[in-house]
Amino acid sequence: TEYRALQRGVPSTMLTEERITQLQNIGFEFSTKADKTVPDLDWSTRIQQLEAFLSEMGHLRVDPNYDKYSNLGGWAVEMSERHRRWQEGTEYLLPDMVEKFAQLNALGFSFDVFPSRRGERSWEDSFNLLLLYRQETGSCRVPHHYKADCRLGSWVAVQRKEYKLLAKGKPSRMTHEHIQRLESIGFEWVARRGD
């Protein structure tokens, strides 16, 4: 779990880059949810799953780690990567796949779901996603285990942790600019029960 958190960009005091290297040098293999295989399902099943996700979440910004619906997150990554290669001209698609991409586009799928790697999502990107969340829900209280975007829930928890460290005079990555920006949108520094 510590390694998975690190992969999502959550800092770790126990598992450092040096310790990861030492473990890998002795043959230790890390396994993450992102390593899950994506089952080969027929197109209509995937569309039904995507529609169910849309109905449940209210959007189609599928987190790459979302493993429900037969690893829908992994499938969304595959579709996004394939679409990118097609747009770049490095992959030829048969006409039926081009039609499938058009169908996804018509549903509102944006082809921007890529695997999460440590440090991939910037503070600014996370802040903008928090703005979208606030626009959709009316608050900045993202649950820590927010199933539509687990990294956003973790990022919010990290902001609170960094703020507490700063308040105690300890080393922190929290800046006064970030505090002002978060407070300007109604961010609460103390999590309510259930957040």
N, C-alpha and C. Protein backbone atom coordinates (compact mmCIF):
# COMPACT_ATOMS: atom_id res chain seq x y z
N THR A 1 0.83 -1.21 0.00
CA THR A 1 0.00 0.00 0.00
C THR A 1 0.86 1.26 0.00
N GLU A 2 2.00 1.21 0.67
CA GLU A 2 2.91 2.36 0.69
C GLU A 2 3.43 2.65 -0.72
N TYR A 3 3.77 1.60 -1.45
CA TYR A 3 4.27 1.77 -2.82
C TYR A 3 3.18 2.33 -3.74
N ARG A 4 1.95 1.80 -3.59
CA ARG A 4 0.84 2.31 -4.42
C ARG A 4 0.60 3.78 -4.14
N ALA A 5 0.65 4.18 -2.88
CA ALA A 5 0.46 5.58 -2.53
C ALA A 5 1.56 6.43 -3.15
N LEU A 6 2.78 5.95 -3.12
CA LEU A 6 3.90 6.66 -3.70
C LEU A 6 3.71 6.82 -5.21
N GLN A 7 3.19 5.79 -5.85
CA GLN A 7 2.92 5.85 -7.28
C GLN A 7 1.87 6.91 -7.62
N ARG A 8 0.94 7.15 -6.67
CA ARG A 8 -0.10 8.17 -6.89
C ARG A 8 0.40 9.56 -6.55
N GLY A 9 1.65 9.68 -6.11
CA GLY A 9 2.20 10.98 -5.80
C GLY A 9 2.09 11.38 -4.35
N VAL A 10 1.65 10.46 -3.49
CA VAL A 10 1.54 10.75 -2.06
C VAL A 10 2.92 10.50 -1.45
N PRO A 11 3.49 11.52 -0.81
CA PRO A 11 4.84 11.32 -0.25
C PRO A 11 4.86 10.26 0.84
N SER A 12 6.00 9.60 0.94
CA SER A 12 6.17 8.54 1.94
C SER A 12 7.41 8.82 2.76
N THR A 13 7.29 8.64 4.06
CA THR A 13 8.47 8.78 4.91
C THR A 13 9.15 7.44 5.09
N MET A 14 8.43 6.35 4.86
CA MET A 14 8.98 5.01 5.05
C MET A 14 9.65 4.46 3.80
N LEU A 15 9.04 4.68 2.65
CA LEU A 15 9.52 4.09 1.41
C LEU A 15 10.15 5.17 0.54
N THR A 16 11.46 5.28 0.61
CA THR A 16 12.19 6.29 -0.16
C THR A 16 12.66 5.69 -1.48
N GLU A 17 13.11 6.55 -2.39
CA GLU A 17 13.66 6.07 -3.67
C GLU A 17 14.84 5.13 -3.42
N GLU A 18 15.65 5.48 -2.42
CA GLU A 18 16.81 4.65 -2.09
C GLU A 18 16.37 3.26 -1.63
N ARG A 19 15.34 3.19 -0.78
CA ARG A 19 14.85 1.90 -0.31
C ARG A 19 14.22 1.09 -1.44
N ILE A 20 13.52 1.77 -2.34
CA ILE A 20 12.94 1.08 -3.49
C ILE A 20 14.05 0.44 -4.31
N THR A 21 15.12 1.21 -4.58
CA THR A 21 16.25 0.69 -5.35
C THR A 21 16.90 -0.50 -4.66
N GLN A 22 17.07 -0.40 -3.33
CA GLN A 22 17.67 -1.50 -2.58
C GLN A 22 16.81 -2.76 -2.68
N LEU A 23 15.50 -2.59 -2.55
CA LEU A 23 14.61 -3.74 -2.66
C LEU A 23 14.64 -4.35 -4.05
N GLN A 24 14.64 -3.49 -5.08
CA GLN A 24 14.69 -4.00 -6.45
C GLN A 24 16.02 -4.71 -6.73
N ASN A 25 17.10 -4.23 -6.12
CA ASN A 25 18.41 -4.85 -6.32
C ASN A 25 18.48 -6.26 -5.77
N ILE A 26 17.65 -6.57 -4.78
CA ILE A 26 17.65 -7.94 -4.24
C ILE A 26 16.52 -8.79 -4.84
N GLY A 27 15.90 -8.26 -5.92
CA GLY A 27 14.90 -9.04 -6.64
C GLY A 27 13.47 -8.85 -6.22
N PHE A 28 13.20 -7.90 -5.33
CA PHE A 28 11.82 -7.65 -4.90
C PHE A 28 11.05 -7.01 -6.04
N GLU A 29 9.84 -7.51 -6.28
CA GLU A 29 8.99 -6.94 -7.33
C GLU A 29 7.77 -6.30 -6.69
N PHE A 30 7.54 -5.03 -7.05
CA PHE A 30 6.37 -4.32 -6.56
C PHE A 30 5.20 -4.62 -7.48
N SER A 31 4.04 -4.79 -6.88
CA SER A 31 2.82 -5.03 -7.64
C SER A 31 1.82 -3.96 -7.25
N THR A 32 1.20 -3.35 -8.26
CA THR A 32 0.21 -2.31 -7.99
C THR A 32 -1.08 -2.65 -8.70
N LYS A 33 -2.15 -1.95 -8.32
CA LYS A 33 -3.44 -2.14 -8.99
C LYS A 33 -3.33 -1.84 -10.48
N ALA A 34 -2.45 -0.89 -10.81
CA ALA A 34 -2.30 -0.51 -12.21
C ALA A 34 -1.75 -1.66 -13.05
N ASP A 35 -1.14 -2.68 -12.39
CA ASP A 35 -0.60 -3.82 -13.10
C ASP A 35 -1.69 -4.79 -13.57
N LYS A 36 -2.91 -4.59 -13.15
CA LYS A 36 -3.99 -5.51 -13.49
C LYS A 36 -4.19 -5.57 -15.00
N THR A 37 -4.51 -6.76 -15.46
CA THR A 37 -4.79 -6.92 -16.88
C THR A 37 -6.19 -6.40 -17.19
N VAL A 38 -6.39 -6.07 -18.44
CA VAL A 38 -7.67 -5.57 -18.90
C VAL A 38 -8.35 -6.70 -19.68
N PRO A 39 -9.46 -7.21 -19.15
CA PRO A 39 -10.15 -8.29 -19.86
C PRO A 39 -10.63 -7.84 -21.24
N ASP A 40 -10.60 -8.77 -22.17
CA ASP A 40 -11.05 -8.48 -23.53
C ASP A 40 -12.56 -8.72 -23.60
N LEU A 41 -13.31 -7.63 -23.49
CA LEU A 41 -14.78 -7.70 -23.53
C LEU A 41 -15.28 -7.13 -24.84
N ASP A 42 -16.47 -7.55 -25.24
CA ASP A 42 -17.01 -7.01 -26.49
C ASP A 42 -17.35 -5.53 -26.31
N TRP A 43 -17.39 -4.83 -27.43
CA TRP A 43 -17.55 -3.38 -27.43
C TRP A 43 -18.83 -2.92 -26.73
N SER A 44 -19.93 -3.59 -26.98
CA SER A 44 -21.21 -3.17 -26.39
C SER A 44 -21.18 -3.27 -24.87
N THR A 45 -20.47 -4.27 -24.34
CA THR A 45 -20.33 -4.40 -22.88
C THR A 45 -19.55 -3.21 -22.32
N ARG A 46 -18.46 -2.85 -22.99
CA ARG A 46 -17.66 -1.70 -22.53
C ARG A 46 -18.48 -0.41 -22.59
N ILE A 47 -19.26 -0.24 -23.61
CA ILE A 47 -20.09 0.97 -23.73
C ILE A 47 -21.11 1.00 -22.59
N GLN A 48 -21.72 -0.16 -22.29
CA GLN A 48 -22.66 -0.23 -21.17
C GLN A 48 -21.96 0.12 -19.85
N GLN A 49 -20.74 -0.38 -19.66
CA GLN A 49 -19.99 -0.07 -18.45
C GLN A 49 -19.67 1.42 -18.36
N LEU A 50 -19.29 1.99 -19.48
CA LEU A 50 -18.97 3.42 -19.52
C LEU A 50 -20.22 4.25 -19.22
N GLU A 51 -21.36 3.84 -19.77
CA GLU A 51 -22.61 4.54 -19.49
C GLU A 51 -23.01 4.40 -18.01
N ALA A 52 -22.77 3.23 -17.43
CA ALA A 52 -23.06 3.02 -16.00
C ALA A 52 -22.14 3.92 -15.16
N PHE A 53 -20.87 4.03 -15.55
CA PHE A 53 -19.93 4.91 -14.84
C PHE A 53 -20.42 6.35 -14.93
N LEU A 54 -20.83 6.77 -16.11
CA LEU A 54 -21.35 8.12 -16.31
C LEU A 54 -22.57 8.37 -15.44
N SER A 55 -23.47 7.41 -15.40
CA SER A 55 -24.67 7.53 -14.58
C SER A 55 -24.32 7.64 -13.09
N GLU A 56 -23.36 6.84 -12.66
CA GLU A 56 -22.97 6.81 -11.25
C GLU A 56 -22.15 8.02 -10.84
N MET A 57 -21.22 8.44 -11.70
CA MET A 57 -20.27 9.50 -11.33
C MET A 57 -20.64 10.88 -11.86
N GLY A 58 -21.43 10.90 -12.94
CA GLY A 58 -21.81 12.20 -13.51
C GLY A 58 -20.81 12.75 -14.50
N HIS A 59 -19.79 11.98 -14.84
CA HIS A 59 -18.76 12.41 -15.79
C HIS A 59 -18.06 11.17 -16.35
N LEU A 60 -17.20 11.40 -17.33
CA LEU A 60 -16.44 10.29 -17.91
C LEU A 60 -14.94 10.48 -17.74
N ARG A 61 -14.53 11.19 -16.70
CA ARG A 61 -13.11 11.32 -16.38
C ARG A 61 -12.71 10.10 -15.55
N VAL A 62 -12.48 9.00 -16.22
CA VAL A 62 -12.19 7.73 -15.55
C VAL A 62 -10.76 7.75 -15.03
N ASP A 63 -10.60 7.51 -13.75
CA ASP A 63 -9.26 7.43 -13.16
C ASP A 63 -8.58 6.18 -13.70
N PRO A 64 -7.30 6.26 -14.07
CA PRO A 64 -6.63 5.07 -14.61
C PRO A 64 -6.58 3.90 -13.64
N ASN A 65 -6.74 4.17 -12.34
CA ASN A 65 -6.71 3.10 -11.33
C ASN A 65 -8.09 2.55 -11.00
N TYR A 66 -9.14 3.05 -11.66
CA TYR A 66 -10.51 2.61 -11.38
C TYR A 66 -10.65 1.18 -11.90
N ASP A 67 -10.76 0.21 -10.97
CA ASP A 67 -10.74 -1.19 -11.40
C ASP A 67 -12.10 -1.87 -11.42
N LYS A 68 -13.15 -1.14 -11.11
CA LYS A 68 -14.49 -1.75 -11.21
C LYS A 68 -14.87 -1.87 -12.69
N TYR A 69 -15.96 -2.54 -12.95
CA TYR A 69 -16.40 -2.78 -14.33
C TYR A 69 -15.27 -3.41 -15.15
N SER A 70 -14.71 -4.50 -14.65
CA SER A 70 -13.66 -5.25 -15.37
C SER A 70 -12.48 -4.35 -15.74
N ASN A 71 -11.99 -3.61 -14.73
CA ASN A 71 -10.85 -2.72 -14.90
C ASN A 71 -11.13 -1.65 -15.97
N LEU A 72 -12.20 -0.90 -15.78
CA LEU A 72 -12.57 0.16 -16.72
C LEU A 72 -11.47 1.20 -16.84
N GLY A 73 -10.77 1.48 -15.75
CA GLY A 73 -9.66 2.44 -15.80
C GLY A 73 -8.57 1.98 -16.75
N GLY A 74 -8.21 0.71 -16.66
CA GLY A 74 -7.19 0.17 -17.57
C GLY A 74 -7.65 0.20 -19.02
N TRP A 75 -8.92 -0.09 -19.25
CA TRP A 75 -9.46 -0.04 -20.61
C TRP A 75 -9.46 1.40 -21.13
N ALA A 76 -9.81 2.37 -20.26
CA ALA A 76 -9.81 3.78 -20.66
C ALA A 76 -8.40 4.24 -21.04
N VAL A 77 -7.40 3.73 -20.30
CA VAL A 77 -6.00 4.04 -20.64
C VAL A 77 -5.68 3.47 -22.02
N GLU A 78 -6.06 2.20 -22.26
CA GLU A 78 -5.79 1.57 -23.55
C GLU A 78 -6.43 2.36 -24.70
N MET A 79 -7.69 2.78 -24.51
CA MET A 79 -8.38 3.55 -25.55
C MET A 79 -7.69 4.90 -25.78
N SER A 80 -7.29 5.55 -24.69
CA SER A 80 -6.62 6.86 -24.81
C SER A 80 -5.28 6.74 -25.52
N GLU A 81 -4.51 5.71 -25.14
CA GLU A 81 -3.20 5.52 -25.77
C GLU A 81 -3.35 5.17 -27.26
N ARG A 82 -4.32 4.33 -27.54
CA ARG A 82 -4.54 3.95 -28.94
C ARG A 82 -5.02 5.15 -29.77
N HIS A 83 -5.89 5.95 -29.18
CA HIS A 83 -6.38 7.16 -29.86
C HIS A 83 -5.21 8.12 -30.11
N ARG A 84 -4.32 8.29 -29.13
CA ARG A 84 -3.17 9.18 -29.29
C ARG A 84 -2.27 8.69 -30.43
N ARG A 85 -2.00 7.38 -30.46
CA ARG A 85 -1.16 6.84 -31.54
C ARG A 85 -1.81 7.05 -32.91
N TRP A 86 -3.12 6.90 -32.97
CA TRP A 86 -3.86 7.11 -34.22
C TRP A 86 -3.76 8.57 -34.63
N GLN A 87 -3.95 9.49 -33.68
CA GLN A 87 -3.86 10.92 -33.98
C GLN A 87 -2.44 11.32 -34.44
N GLU A 88 -1.44 10.68 -33.85
CA GLU A 88 -0.04 10.97 -34.21
C GLU A 88 0.36 10.31 -35.52
N GLY A 89 -0.49 9.40 -36.03
CA GLY A 89 -0.19 8.71 -37.27
C GLY A 89 0.72 7.50 -37.11
N THR A 90 0.91 7.04 -35.88
CA THR A 90 1.78 5.88 -35.66
C THR A 90 1.01 4.57 -35.60
N GLU A 91 -0.33 4.64 -35.64
CA GLU A 91 -1.14 3.43 -35.66
C GLU A 91 -2.28 3.60 -36.65
N TYR A 92 -2.43 2.62 -37.52
CA TYR A 92 -3.53 2.62 -38.48
C TYR A 92 -4.72 1.90 -37.85
N LEU A 93 -5.91 2.48 -38.03
CA LEU A 93 -7.12 1.87 -37.49
C LEU A 93 -8.06 1.49 -38.63
N LEU A 94 -8.72 0.37 -38.45
CA LEU A 94 -9.76 -0.02 -39.39
C LEU A 94 -10.95 0.92 -39.22
N PRO A 95 -11.76 1.09 -40.25
CA PRO A 95 -12.89 2.02 -40.17
C PRO A 95 -13.84 1.75 -38.99
N ASP A 96 -14.02 0.47 -38.59
CA ASP A 96 -14.93 0.20 -37.48
C ASP A 96 -14.37 0.76 -36.16
N MET A 97 -13.05 0.79 -35.99
CA MET A 97 -12.46 1.35 -34.77
C MET A 97 -12.58 2.87 -34.78
N VAL A 98 -12.47 3.48 -35.95
CA VAL A 98 -12.65 4.93 -36.06
C VAL A 98 -14.09 5.28 -35.66
N GLU A 99 -15.05 4.46 -36.08
CA GLU A 99 -16.45 4.66 -35.69
C GLU A 99 -16.63 4.49 -34.18
N LYS A 100 -15.91 3.53 -33.61
CA LYS A 100 -15.99 3.33 -32.15
C LYS A 100 -15.43 4.54 -31.41
N PHE A 101 -14.35 5.10 -31.91
CA PHE A 101 -13.81 6.32 -31.29
C PHE A 101 -14.83 7.45 -31.39
N ALA A 102 -15.52 7.54 -32.52
CA ALA A 102 -16.55 8.57 -32.69
C ALA A 102 -17.68 8.35 -31.68
N GLN A 103 -18.02 7.09 -31.45
CA GLN A 103 -19.06 6.76 -30.46
C GLN A 103 -18.62 7.18 -29.06
N LEU A 104 -17.37 6.91 -28.70
CA LEU A 104 -16.85 7.33 -27.41
C LEU A 104 -16.85 8.86 -27.28
N ASN A 105 -16.45 9.51 -28.34
CA ASN A 105 -16.43 10.98 -28.36
C ASN A 105 -17.83 11.54 -28.16
N ALA A 106 -18.82 10.94 -28.81
CA ALA A 106 -20.21 11.39 -28.69
C ALA A 106 -20.73 11.20 -27.27
N LEU A 107 -20.22 10.18 -26.56
CA LEU A 107 -20.61 9.97 -25.16
C LEU A 107 -20.00 11.02 -24.23
N GLY A 108 -18.89 11.63 -24.70
CA GLY A 108 -18.21 12.61 -23.87
C GLY A 108 -16.87 12.13 -23.33
N PHE A 109 -16.40 10.99 -23.83
CA PHE A 109 -15.09 10.47 -23.43
C PHE A 109 -14.02 11.32 -24.10
N SER A 110 -13.04 11.81 -23.31
CA SER A 110 -12.09 12.79 -23.86
C SER A 110 -10.73 12.22 -24.25
N PHE A 111 -10.52 10.92 -24.13
CA PHE A 111 -9.27 10.26 -24.55
C PHE A 111 -8.04 10.85 -23.85
N ASP A 112 -8.18 11.22 -22.60
CA ASP A 112 -7.04 11.79 -21.87
C ASP A 112 -6.75 11.02 -20.58
N VAL A 113 -6.99 9.72 -20.60
CA VAL A 113 -6.75 8.88 -19.43
C VAL A 113 -5.44 8.13 -19.66
N PHE A 114 -4.43 8.49 -18.89
CA PHE A 114 -3.13 7.86 -19.05
C PHE A 114 -2.66 7.33 -17.71
N PRO A 115 -1.78 6.33 -17.71
CA PRO A 115 -1.36 5.71 -16.45
C PRO A 115 -0.78 6.75 -15.50
N SER A 116 -1.08 6.60 -14.23
CA SER A 116 -0.54 7.54 -13.25
C SER A 116 0.83 7.07 -12.83
N ARG A 117 1.73 7.99 -12.86
CA ARG A 117 3.09 7.74 -12.40
C ARG A 117 3.42 8.80 -11.38
N ARG A 118 4.34 8.49 -10.50
CA ARG A 118 4.71 9.42 -9.44
C ARG A 118 5.08 10.77 -10.05
N GLY A 119 4.44 11.82 -9.55
CA GLY A 119 4.75 13.17 -9.99
C GLY A 119 4.08 13.57 -11.30
N GLU A 120 3.28 12.68 -11.89
CA GLU A 120 2.69 13.01 -13.19
C GLU A 120 1.67 14.14 -13.09
N ARG A 121 0.89 14.15 -12.05
CA ARG A 121 -0.14 15.18 -11.91
C ARG A 121 0.42 16.32 -11.06
N SER A 122 0.47 17.50 -11.63
CA SER A 122 1.02 18.65 -10.92
C SER A 122 0.03 19.18 -9.89
N TRP A 123 0.54 20.06 -9.03
CA TRP A 123 -0.32 20.71 -8.05
C TRP A 123 -1.43 21.46 -8.79
N GLU A 124 -1.07 22.13 -9.85
CA GLU A 124 -2.04 22.93 -10.62
C GLU A 124 -3.11 22.03 -11.23
N ASP A 125 -2.71 20.89 -11.78
CA ASP A 125 -3.68 19.95 -12.36
C ASP A 125 -4.66 19.46 -11.29
N SER A 126 -4.12 19.12 -10.12
CA SER A 126 -4.98 18.65 -9.03
C SER A 126 -5.91 19.75 -8.55
N PHE A 127 -5.39 20.96 -8.46
CA PHE A 127 -6.22 22.10 -8.05
C PHE A 127 -7.37 22.30 -9.04
N ASN A 128 -7.07 22.21 -10.33
CA ASN A 128 -8.11 22.38 -11.36
C ASN A 128 -9.16 21.27 -11.27
N LEU A 129 -8.72 20.06 -10.95
CA LEU A 129 -9.68 18.97 -10.75
C LEU A 129 -10.53 19.21 -9.51
N LEU A 130 -9.93 19.80 -8.48
CA LEU A 130 -10.69 20.15 -7.28
C LEU A 130 -11.74 21.21 -7.62
N LEU A 131 -11.38 22.15 -8.48
CA LEU A 131 -12.36 23.16 -8.92
C LEU A 131 -13.54 22.49 -9.63
N LEU A 132 -13.25 21.53 -10.49
CA LEU A 132 -14.32 20.79 -11.19
C LEU A 132 -15.19 20.04 -10.18
N TYR A 133 -14.55 19.40 -9.21
CA TYR A 133 -15.28 18.67 -8.18
C TYR A 133 -16.21 19.62 -7.43
N ARG A 134 -15.69 20.79 -7.08
CA ARG A 134 -16.48 21.79 -6.35
C ARG A 134 -17.66 22.27 -7.20
N GLN A 135 -17.40 22.45 -8.49
CA GLN A 135 -18.46 22.87 -9.40
C GLN A 135 -19.57 21.82 -9.47
N GLU A 136 -19.19 20.55 -9.45
CA GLU A 136 -20.16 19.46 -9.56
C GLU A 136 -20.89 19.16 -8.25
N THR A 137 -20.19 19.34 -7.11
CA THR A 137 -20.77 18.92 -5.84
C THR A 137 -21.13 20.07 -4.90
N GLY A 138 -20.56 21.25 -5.16
CA GLY A 138 -20.83 22.39 -4.29
C GLY A 138 -19.90 22.50 -3.10
N SER A 139 -18.91 21.60 -2.99
CA SER A 139 -17.96 21.70 -1.88
C SER A 139 -16.59 21.19 -2.32
N CYS A 140 -15.60 21.43 -1.47
CA CYS A 140 -14.24 20.93 -1.71
C CYS A 140 -13.93 19.73 -0.84
N ARG A 141 -14.94 19.14 -0.24
CA ARG A 141 -14.74 18.01 0.68
C ARG A 141 -14.71 16.69 -0.12
N VAL A 142 -13.56 16.42 -0.70
CA VAL A 142 -13.39 15.20 -1.48
C VAL A 142 -13.10 14.05 -0.53
N PRO A 143 -13.86 12.98 -0.58
CA PRO A 143 -13.57 11.83 0.29
C PRO A 143 -12.17 11.28 0.00
N HIS A 144 -11.48 10.85 1.03
CA HIS A 144 -10.12 10.33 0.85
C HIS A 144 -10.10 9.18 -0.15
N HIS A 145 -11.11 8.34 -0.13
CA HIS A 145 -11.18 7.22 -1.07
C HIS A 145 -12.25 7.50 -2.13
N TYR A 146 -12.17 8.66 -2.76
CA TYR A 146 -13.11 9.08 -3.80
C TYR A 146 -12.96 8.15 -5.00
N LYS A 147 -13.97 7.33 -5.24
CA LYS A 147 -13.82 6.26 -6.22
C LYS A 147 -13.72 6.75 -7.66
N ALA A 148 -14.22 7.95 -7.96
CA ALA A 148 -14.12 8.44 -9.33
C ALA A 148 -12.71 8.93 -9.66
N ASP A 149 -11.94 9.31 -8.64
CA ASP A 149 -10.57 9.77 -8.85
C ASP A 149 -9.82 9.63 -7.52
N CYS A 150 -9.28 8.45 -7.30
CA CYS A 150 -8.63 8.19 -6.00
C CYS A 150 -7.46 9.12 -5.75
N ARG A 151 -6.79 9.58 -6.81
CA ARG A 151 -5.66 10.49 -6.61
C ARG A 151 -6.11 11.85 -6.08
N LEU A 152 -7.30 12.31 -6.48
CA LEU A 152 -7.78 13.60 -5.99
C LEU A 152 -8.06 13.54 -4.50
N GLY A 153 -8.70 12.47 -4.05
CA GLY A 153 -8.95 12.32 -2.61
C GLY A 153 -7.66 12.28 -1.81
N SER A 154 -6.67 11.58 -2.33
CA SER A 154 -5.37 11.52 -1.66
C SER A 154 -4.69 12.88 -1.68
N TRP A 155 -4.79 13.59 -2.79
CA TRP A 155 -4.16 14.91 -2.91
C TRP A 155 -4.74 15.88 -1.88
N VAL A 156 -6.06 15.85 -1.70
CA VAL A 156 -6.71 16.72 -0.71
C VAL A 156 -6.19 16.39 0.69
N ALA A 157 -6.06 15.10 0.99
CA ALA A 157 -5.54 14.70 2.30
C ALA A 157 -4.10 15.17 2.49
N VAL A 158 -3.30 15.11 1.43
CA VAL A 158 -1.91 15.58 1.51
C VAL A 158 -1.87 17.09 1.74
N GLN A 159 -2.78 17.84 1.12
CA GLN A 159 -2.80 19.30 1.34
C GLN A 159 -3.03 19.62 2.81
N ARG A 160 -3.96 18.89 3.41
CA ARG A 160 -4.25 19.10 4.84
C ARG A 160 -3.03 18.74 5.69
N LYS A 161 -2.38 17.64 5.35
CA LYS A 161 -1.21 17.20 6.11
C LYS A 161 -0.08 18.22 5.99
N GLU A 162 0.18 18.71 4.79
CA GLU A 162 1.24 19.69 4.57
C GLU A 162 0.93 21.01 5.29
N TYR A 163 -0.33 21.38 5.31
CA TYR A 163 -0.74 22.59 6.01
C TYR A 163 -0.47 22.46 7.52
N LYS A 164 -0.80 21.29 8.08
CA LYS A 164 -0.56 21.05 9.51
C LYS A 164 0.94 21.12 9.82
N LEU A 165 1.77 20.53 8.94
CA LEU A 165 3.21 20.58 9.15
C LEU A 165 3.71 22.03 9.15
N LEU A 166 3.21 22.82 8.19
CA LEU A 166 3.60 24.22 8.11
C LEU A 166 3.18 24.98 9.37
N ALA A 167 1.97 24.71 9.84
CA ALA A 167 1.45 25.38 11.03
C ALA A 167 2.28 25.05 12.27
N LYS A 168 2.89 23.86 12.28
CA LYS A 168 3.72 23.45 13.43
C LYS A 168 5.17 23.89 13.27
N GLY A 169 5.46 24.60 12.16
CA GLY A 169 6.83 25.06 11.94
C GLY A 169 7.76 23.98 11.42
N LYS A 170 7.18 22.90 10.92
CA LYS A 170 7.99 21.80 10.39
C LYS A 170 8.14 21.96 8.87
N PRO A 171 9.12 21.27 8.29
CA PRO A 171 9.29 21.34 6.83
C PRO A 171 8.00 20.91 6.11
N SER A 172 7.62 21.68 5.10
CA SER A 172 6.38 21.41 4.38
C SER A 172 6.51 21.93 2.95
N ARG A 173 5.81 21.27 2.05
CA ARG A 173 5.77 21.74 0.67
C ARG A 173 4.63 22.73 0.44
N MET A 174 3.85 23.00 1.47
CA MET A 174 2.73 23.93 1.36
C MET A 174 3.28 25.36 1.27
N THR A 175 2.76 26.12 0.30
CA THR A 175 3.17 27.52 0.16
C THR A 175 2.03 28.44 0.57
N HIS A 176 2.37 29.69 0.87
CA HIS A 176 1.33 30.65 1.22
C HIS A 176 0.41 30.92 0.03
N GLU A 177 0.97 30.88 -1.17
CA GLU A 177 0.14 31.05 -2.37
C GLU A 177 -0.88 29.92 -2.48
N HIS A 178 -0.44 28.69 -2.25
CA HIS A 178 -1.37 27.55 -2.31
C HIS A 178 -2.44 27.66 -1.24
N ILE A 179 -2.06 28.09 -0.05
CA ILE A 179 -3.04 28.29 1.02
C ILE A 179 -4.09 29.29 0.59
N GLN A 180 -3.66 30.43 0.06
CA GLN A 180 -4.60 31.47 -0.38
C GLN A 180 -5.52 30.96 -1.48
N ARG A 181 -4.96 30.24 -2.44
CA ARG A 181 -5.79 29.73 -3.54
C ARG A 181 -6.81 28.71 -3.04
N LEU A 182 -6.37 27.81 -2.16
CA LEU A 182 -7.30 26.81 -1.62
C LEU A 182 -8.39 27.48 -0.79
N GLU A 183 -8.01 28.42 0.05
CA GLU A 183 -9.01 29.10 0.89
C GLU A 183 -9.97 29.92 0.05
N SER A 184 -9.51 30.46 -1.09
CA SER A 184 -10.38 31.27 -1.94
C SER A 184 -11.53 30.47 -2.56
N ILE A 185 -11.39 29.14 -2.59
CA ILE A 185 -12.47 28.30 -3.15
C ILE A 185 -13.22 27.54 -2.06
N GLY A 186 -12.95 27.89 -0.80
CA GLY A 186 -13.69 27.28 0.29
C GLY A 186 -13.11 25.98 0.81
N PHE A 187 -11.83 25.75 0.60
CA PHE A 187 -11.18 24.54 1.10
C PHE A 187 -11.16 24.56 2.62
N GLU A 188 -11.49 23.42 3.23
CA GLU A 188 -11.50 23.30 4.68
C GLU A 188 -10.28 22.52 5.12
N TRP A 189 -9.52 23.09 6.05
CA TRP A 189 -8.27 22.47 6.48
C TRP A 189 -8.48 21.31 7.45
N VAL A 190 -9.64 21.24 8.05
CA VAL A 190 -9.94 20.13 8.96
C VAL A 190 -11.01 19.27 8.29
N ALA A 191 -10.67 18.01 8.10
CA ALA A 191 -11.62 17.10 7.45
C ALA A 191 -12.78 16.81 8.38
N ARG A 192 -13.96 16.80 7.81
CA ARG A 192 -15.14 16.40 8.56
C ARG A 192 -15.21 14.89 8.55
N ARG A 193 -15.93 14.37 9.53
CA ARG A 193 -16.09 12.91 9.59
C ARG A 193 -16.70 12.40 8.28
N GLY A 194 -16.07 11.37 7.72
CA GLY A 194 -16.55 10.80 6.47
C GLY A 194 -15.80 11.31 5.26
N ASP A 195 -14.99 12.37 5.42
CA ASP A 195 -14.21 12.89 4.30
C ASP A 195 -12.96 12.06 4.09
